[in-house]
Amino acid sequence: MRRVLSPDPETTAALGARVASLLFEGAVVLLSGDLGAGKTCFSQGLARGLGVVGTVQSPTFVLVMEYPEARVPLRHADLYRLDRAEEAVALGIEERVGYDGAWVIEWSDRFPQLWPDDRLELRFAHAELGRVIEAVATGPKHAPLLDAFGAAS
C-alpha cells in the first residue's frame, strides 16, 4: 500500500496525471471516499494526463463519460446515483471494465463484486492538511501504477 498527502486540488490532479502516464488498455482504477474528498479532481488530472482536452466533469448524471481521443481510450464512471449492482450491469459496465480502454470509476466501493481481481484501488479521505490518498494494487498488471505514488509509507 502507498499513502500520500495531497494538500490541495492541484496536487491531487497532478497525481492523477502521474498515474495516467502509466495507464494501459484494460487498466481499472477504482476510487472511493467521502463527498468532496478528491475523486473527481483526481479523475480530471488523469484525463488531462491522457491528453483529454475540454471539460472533464464527473459523470454523476450520465453515469459514464467516454474519451476515445485519449492516449488510452478513457471511460470515466460515477456510480453515486445507482442503488443496485444490477443497474451497473444493465449499463454494460461489468462486461466492459478491464477490456474496453482504461477505466476510472468513482464510488466503486458501492459494488465491489463487479470489478476484476487485478486493479488499482484508491481511497480518498479528508485530512487536517488536505486529503490522504491510499493506493493498493491488487494484482501484477496494476502493481507498476503504484510507482506514481512514490516510495511506500
C-alpha atoms as a PDB file:
ATOM      1  CA  MET A   1       0.000   0.000   0.000  1.00  0.00           C
ATOM      2  CA  ARG A   2       1.109   3.551  -0.683  1.00  0.00           C
ATOM      3  CA  ARG A   3      -0.209   6.557   1.177  1.00  0.00           C
ATOM      4  CA  VAL A   4       0.198  10.196   0.138  1.00  0.00           C
ATOM      5  CA  LEU A   5      -0.969  13.529   1.486  1.00  0.00           C
ATOM      6  CA  SER A   6      -2.424  15.882  -1.085  1.00  0.00           C
ATOM      7  CA  PRO A   7      -2.579  19.392   0.351  1.00  0.00           C
ATOM      8  CA  ASP A   8      -4.658  20.909  -2.474  1.00  0.00           C
ATOM      9  CA  PRO A   9      -6.669  20.116  -5.624  1.00  0.00           C
ATOM     10  CA  GLU A  10      -3.708  20.904  -7.882  1.00  0.00           C
ATOM     11  CA  THR A  11      -1.606  18.221  -6.186  1.00  0.00           C
ATOM     12  CA  THR A  12      -4.463  15.719  -6.451  1.00  0.00           C
ATOM     13  CA  ALA A  13      -4.853  16.447 -10.178  1.00  0.00           C
ATOM     14  CA  ALA A  14      -1.077  16.151 -10.681  1.00  0.00           C
ATOM     15  CA  LEU A  15      -1.161  12.743  -9.012  1.00  0.00           C
ATOM     16  CA  GLY A  16      -3.896  11.730 -11.465  1.00  0.00           C
ATOM     17  CA  ALA A  17      -1.677  12.838 -14.345  1.00  0.00           C
ATOM     18  CA  ARG A  18       1.229  10.760 -12.983  1.00  0.00           C
ATOM     19  CA  VAL A  19      -0.996   7.686 -12.811  1.00  0.00           C
ATOM     20  CA  ALA A  20      -2.163   8.421 -16.375  1.00  0.00           C
ATOM     21  CA  SER A  21       1.420   8.238 -17.612  1.00  0.00           C
ATOM     22  CA  LEU A  22       1.439   4.560 -16.566  1.00  0.00           C
ATOM     23  CA  LEU A  23      -2.075   3.591 -17.728  1.00  0.00           C
ATOM     24  CA  PHE A  24      -2.656   0.862 -20.287  1.00  0.00           C
ATOM     25  CA  GLU A  25      -5.522  -0.681 -22.238  1.00  0.00           C
ATOM     26  CA  GLY A  26      -7.547  -2.682 -19.721  1.00  0.00           C
ATOM     27  CA  ALA A  27      -6.463  -0.667 -16.655  1.00  0.00           C
ATOM     28  CA  VAL A  28      -9.041  -0.351 -13.888  1.00  0.00           C
ATOM     29  CA  VAL A  29      -8.714   2.455 -11.322  1.00  0.00           C
ATOM     30  CA  LEU A  30     -11.334   2.303  -8.573  1.00  0.00           C
ATOM     31  CA  LEU A  31     -11.980   5.390  -6.444  1.00  0.00           C
ATOM     32  CA  SER A  32     -13.755   5.516  -3.097  1.00  0.00           C
ATOM     33  CA  GLY A  33     -14.147   8.107  -0.368  1.00  0.00           C
ATOM     34  CA  ASP A  34     -16.491  10.716   1.016  1.00  0.00           C
ATOM     35  CA  LEU A  35     -18.089  13.523  -0.978  1.00  0.00           C
ATOM     36  CA  GLY A  36     -15.543  16.233  -1.694  1.00  0.00           C
ATOM     37  CA  ALA A  37     -12.548  14.034  -0.882  1.00  0.00           C
ATOM     38  CA  GLY A  38     -10.891  14.491  -4.299  1.00  0.00           C
ATOM     39  CA  LYS A  39     -12.129  11.652  -6.513  1.00  0.00           C
ATOM     40  CA  THR A  40     -13.291  13.876  -9.363  1.00  0.00           C
ATOM     41  CA  CYS A  41     -10.243  16.137  -9.110  1.00  0.00           C
ATOM     42  CA  PHE A  42      -8.011  13.066  -9.431  1.00  0.00           C
ATOM     43  CA  SER A  43     -10.082  11.831 -12.397  1.00  0.00           C
ATOM     44  CA  GLN A  44      -9.735  15.208 -14.119  1.00  0.00           C
ATOM     45  CA  GLY A  45      -5.958  15.092 -13.709  1.00  0.00           C
ATOM     46  CA  LEU A  46      -5.895  11.536 -15.007  1.00  0.00           C
ATOM     47  CA  ALA A  47      -7.900  12.559 -18.094  1.00  0.00           C
ATOM     48  CA  ARG A  48      -5.607  15.539 -18.723  1.00  0.00           C
ATOM     49  CA  GLY A  49      -2.593  13.262 -18.345  1.00  0.00           C
ATOM     50  CA  LEU A  50      -4.040  11.046 -21.076  1.00  0.00           C
ATOM     51  CA  GLY A  51      -4.402  14.032 -23.400  1.00  0.00           C
ATOM     52  CA  VAL A  52      -8.108  14.764 -22.987  1.00  0.00           C
ATOM     53  CA  VAL A  53      -8.877  18.396 -23.852  1.00  0.00           C
ATOM     54  CA  GLY A  54     -12.003  20.328 -22.992  1.00  0.00           C
ATOM     55  CA  THR A  55     -14.208  19.969 -19.961  1.00  0.00           C
ATOM     56  CA  VAL A  56     -13.846  16.866 -17.818  1.00  0.00           C
ATOM     57  CA  GLN A  57     -16.716  16.623 -15.358  1.00  0.00           C
ATOM     58  CA  SER A  58     -17.882  13.929 -13.028  1.00  0.00           C
ATOM     59  CA  PRO A  59     -20.450  11.874 -14.944  1.00  0.00           C
ATOM     60  CA  THR A  60     -22.830  11.869 -11.978  1.00  0.00           C
ATOM     61  CA  PHE A  61     -25.959  12.218 -14.123  1.00  0.00           C
ATOM     62  CA  VAL A  62     -24.848  10.477 -17.339  1.00  0.00           C
ATOM     63  CA  LEU A  63     -23.011   7.753 -15.348  1.00  0.00           C
ATOM     64  CA  VAL A  64     -20.259   7.111 -17.930  1.00  0.00           C
ATOM     65  CA  MET A  65     -18.266   9.609 -19.986  1.00  0.00           C
ATOM     66  CA  GLU A  66     -16.056   8.288 -22.751  1.00  0.00           C
ATOM     67  CA  TYR A  67     -12.932   9.956 -24.095  1.00  0.00           C
ATOM     68  CA  PRO A  68     -11.852   7.948 -27.153  1.00  0.00           C
ATOM     69  CA  GLU A  69      -9.305  10.616 -28.122  1.00  0.00           C
ATOM     70  CA  ALA A  70      -7.151   9.910 -25.079  1.00  0.00           C
ATOM     71  CA  ARG A  71      -3.754   8.195 -25.443  1.00  0.00           C
ATOM     72  CA  VAL A  72      -5.524   5.149 -23.997  1.00  0.00           C
ATOM     73  CA  PRO A  73      -9.305   5.413 -24.568  1.00  0.00           C
ATOM     74  CA  LEU A  74     -10.689   6.528 -21.214  1.00  0.00           C
ATOM     75  CA  ARG A  75     -14.024   5.580 -19.648  1.00  0.00           C
ATOM     76  CA  HIS A  76     -14.951   7.633 -16.563  1.00  0.00           C
ATOM     77  CA  ALA A  77     -17.849   6.277 -14.498  1.00  0.00           C
ATOM     78  CA  ASP A  78     -19.584   7.680 -11.427  1.00  0.00           C
ATOM     79  CA  LEU A  79     -21.829   5.199  -9.628  1.00  0.00           C
ATOM     80  CA  TYR A  80     -23.072   7.549  -6.895  1.00  0.00           C
ATOM     81  CA  ARG A  81     -26.647   7.631  -8.206  1.00  0.00           C
ATOM     82  CA  LEU A  82     -27.012   3.865  -8.623  1.00  0.00           C
ATOM     83  CA  ASP A  83     -28.806   1.853  -5.955  1.00  0.00           C
ATOM     84  CA  ARG A  84     -28.172  -1.723  -7.113  1.00  0.00           C
ATOM     85  CA  ALA A  85     -25.398  -3.586  -8.885  1.00  0.00           C
ATOM     86  CA  GLU A  86     -27.958  -4.677 -11.487  1.00  0.00           C
ATOM     87  CA  GLU A  87     -28.180  -1.063 -12.659  1.00  0.00           C
ATOM     88  CA  ALA A  88     -24.454  -1.007 -13.377  1.00  0.00           C
ATOM     89  CA  VAL A  89     -24.685  -4.370 -15.115  1.00  0.00           C
ATOM     90  CA  ALA A  90     -27.533  -3.021 -17.283  1.00  0.00           C
ATOM     91  CA  LEU A  91     -25.173  -0.239 -18.429  1.00  0.00           C
ATOM     92  CA  GLY A  92     -22.726  -2.885 -19.640  1.00  0.00           C
ATOM     93  CA  ILE A  93     -20.074  -1.815 -17.153  1.00  0.00           C
ATOM     94  CA  GLU A  94     -19.347  -5.291 -15.836  1.00  0.00           C
ATOM     95  CA  GLU A  95     -18.569  -6.699 -19.280  1.00  0.00           C
ATOM     96  CA  ARG A  96     -16.502  -3.686 -20.445  1.00  0.00           C
ATOM     97  CA  VAL A  97     -14.370  -2.900 -17.389  1.00  0.00           C
ATOM     98  CA  GLY A  98     -10.906  -4.357 -17.764  1.00  0.00           C
ATOM     99  CA  TYR A  99     -11.237  -4.848 -21.511  1.00  0.00           C
ATOM    100  CA  ASP A 100     -12.501  -1.725 -23.238  1.00  0.00           C
ATOM    101  CA  GLY A 101      -9.998   1.107 -22.718  1.00  0.00           C
ATOM    102  CA  ALA A 102      -8.842   2.292 -19.303  1.00  0.00           C
ATOM    103  CA  TRP A 103     -11.494   2.826 -16.635  1.00  0.00           C
ATOM    104  CA  VAL A 104     -11.619   5.207 -13.690  1.00  0.00           C
ATOM    105  CA  ILE A 105     -14.677   4.555 -11.537  1.00  0.00           C
ATOM    106  CA  GLU A 106     -15.875   6.845  -8.758  1.00  0.00           C
ATOM    107  CA  TRP A 107     -17.892   5.324  -5.888  1.00  0.00           C
ATOM    108  CA  SER A 108     -16.665   1.869  -6.913  1.00  0.00           C
ATOM    109  CA  ASP A 109     -16.920   0.608  -3.332  1.00  0.00           C
ATOM    110  CA  ARG A 110     -20.711   0.526  -3.695  1.00  0.00           C
ATOM    111  CA  PHE A 111     -20.478  -2.573  -5.935  1.00  0.00           C
ATOM    112  CA  PRO A 112     -17.226  -4.424  -5.145  1.00  0.00           C
ATOM    113  CA  GLN A 113     -18.459  -7.642  -6.743  1.00  0.00           C
ATOM    114  CA  LEU A 114     -18.321  -6.095 -10.238  1.00  0.00           C
ATOM    115  CA  TRP A 115     -14.583  -5.450 -10.545  1.00  0.00           C
ATOM    116  CA  PRO A 116     -11.773  -7.621 -11.874  1.00  0.00           C
ATOM    117  CA  ASP A 117      -9.339  -9.144  -9.399  1.00  0.00           C
ATOM    118  CA  ASP A 118      -6.386  -7.149 -10.813  1.00  0.00           C
ATOM    119  CA  ARG A 119      -6.972  -3.401 -10.319  1.00  0.00           C
ATOM    120  CA  LEU A 120      -5.739  -0.221  -8.623  1.00  0.00           C
ATOM    121  CA  GLU A 121      -7.852   0.898  -5.661  1.00  0.00           C
ATOM    122  CA  LEU A 122      -7.611   4.456  -4.339  1.00  0.00           C
ATOM    123  CA  ARG A 123      -9.258   5.533  -1.100  1.00  0.00           C
ATOM    124  CA  PHE A 124      -9.639   9.283  -0.554  1.00  0.00           C
ATOM    125  CA  ALA A 125     -10.159  10.792   2.896  1.00  0.00           C
ATOM    126  CA  HIS A 126     -10.313  14.279   4.327  1.00  0.00           C
ATOM    127  CA  ALA A 127      -7.298  15.184   6.465  1.00  0.00           C
ATOM    128  CA  GLU A 128      -6.339  18.190   8.557  1.00  0.00           C
ATOM    129  CA  LEU A 129      -3.907  19.401   5.890  1.00  0.00           C
ATOM    130  CA  GLY A 130      -5.800  18.367   2.747  1.00  0.00           C
ATOM    131  CA  ARG A 131      -6.556  14.843   1.591  1.00  0.00           C
ATOM    132  CA  VAL A 132      -4.996  11.476   2.261  1.00  0.00           C
ATOM    133  CA  ILE A 133      -4.970   9.031  -0.641  1.00  0.00           C
ATOM    134  CA  GLU A 134      -4.245   5.356  -0.037  1.00  0.00           C
ATOM    135  CA  ALA A 135      -3.368   3.230  -3.075  1.00  0.00           C
ATOM    136  CA  VAL A 136      -3.429  -0.557  -3.313  1.00  0.00           C
ATOM    137  CA  ALA A 137      -2.717  -2.664  -6.390  1.00  0.00           C
ATOM    138  CA  THR A 138      -4.488  -5.999  -6.215  1.00  0.00           C
ATOM    139  CA  GLY A 139      -2.600  -7.763  -8.996  1.00  0.00           C
ATOM    140  CA  PRO A 140       0.551  -7.804 -11.122  1.00  0.00           C
ATOM    141  CA  LYS A 141      -0.761  -5.722 -14.047  1.00  0.00           C
ATOM    142  CA  HIS A 142      -1.598  -2.783 -11.791  1.00  0.00           C
ATOM    143  CA  ALA A 143       1.358  -3.005  -9.371  1.00  0.00           C
ATOM    144  CA  PRO A 144       3.518  -0.682 -11.544  1.00  0.00           C
ATOM    145  CA  LEU A 145       0.876   2.060 -11.150  1.00  0.00           C
ATOM    146  CA  LEU A 146       1.918   2.369  -7.502  1.00  0.00           C
ATOM    147  CA  ASP A 147       5.142   3.995  -8.743  1.00  0.00           C
ATOM    148  CA  ALA A 148       3.114   7.174  -9.360  1.00  0.00           C
ATOM    149  CA  PHE A 149       2.662   7.450  -5.582  1.00  0.00           C
ATOM    150  CA  GLY A 150       6.365   7.403  -4.723  1.00  0.00           C
ATOM    151  CA  ALA A 151       8.003   5.299  -2.037  1.00  0.00           C
ATOM    152  CA  ALA A 152       5.831   3.198   0.245  1.00  0.00           C
ATOM    153  CA  SER A 153       4.850   4.800   3.512  1.00  0.00           C
END
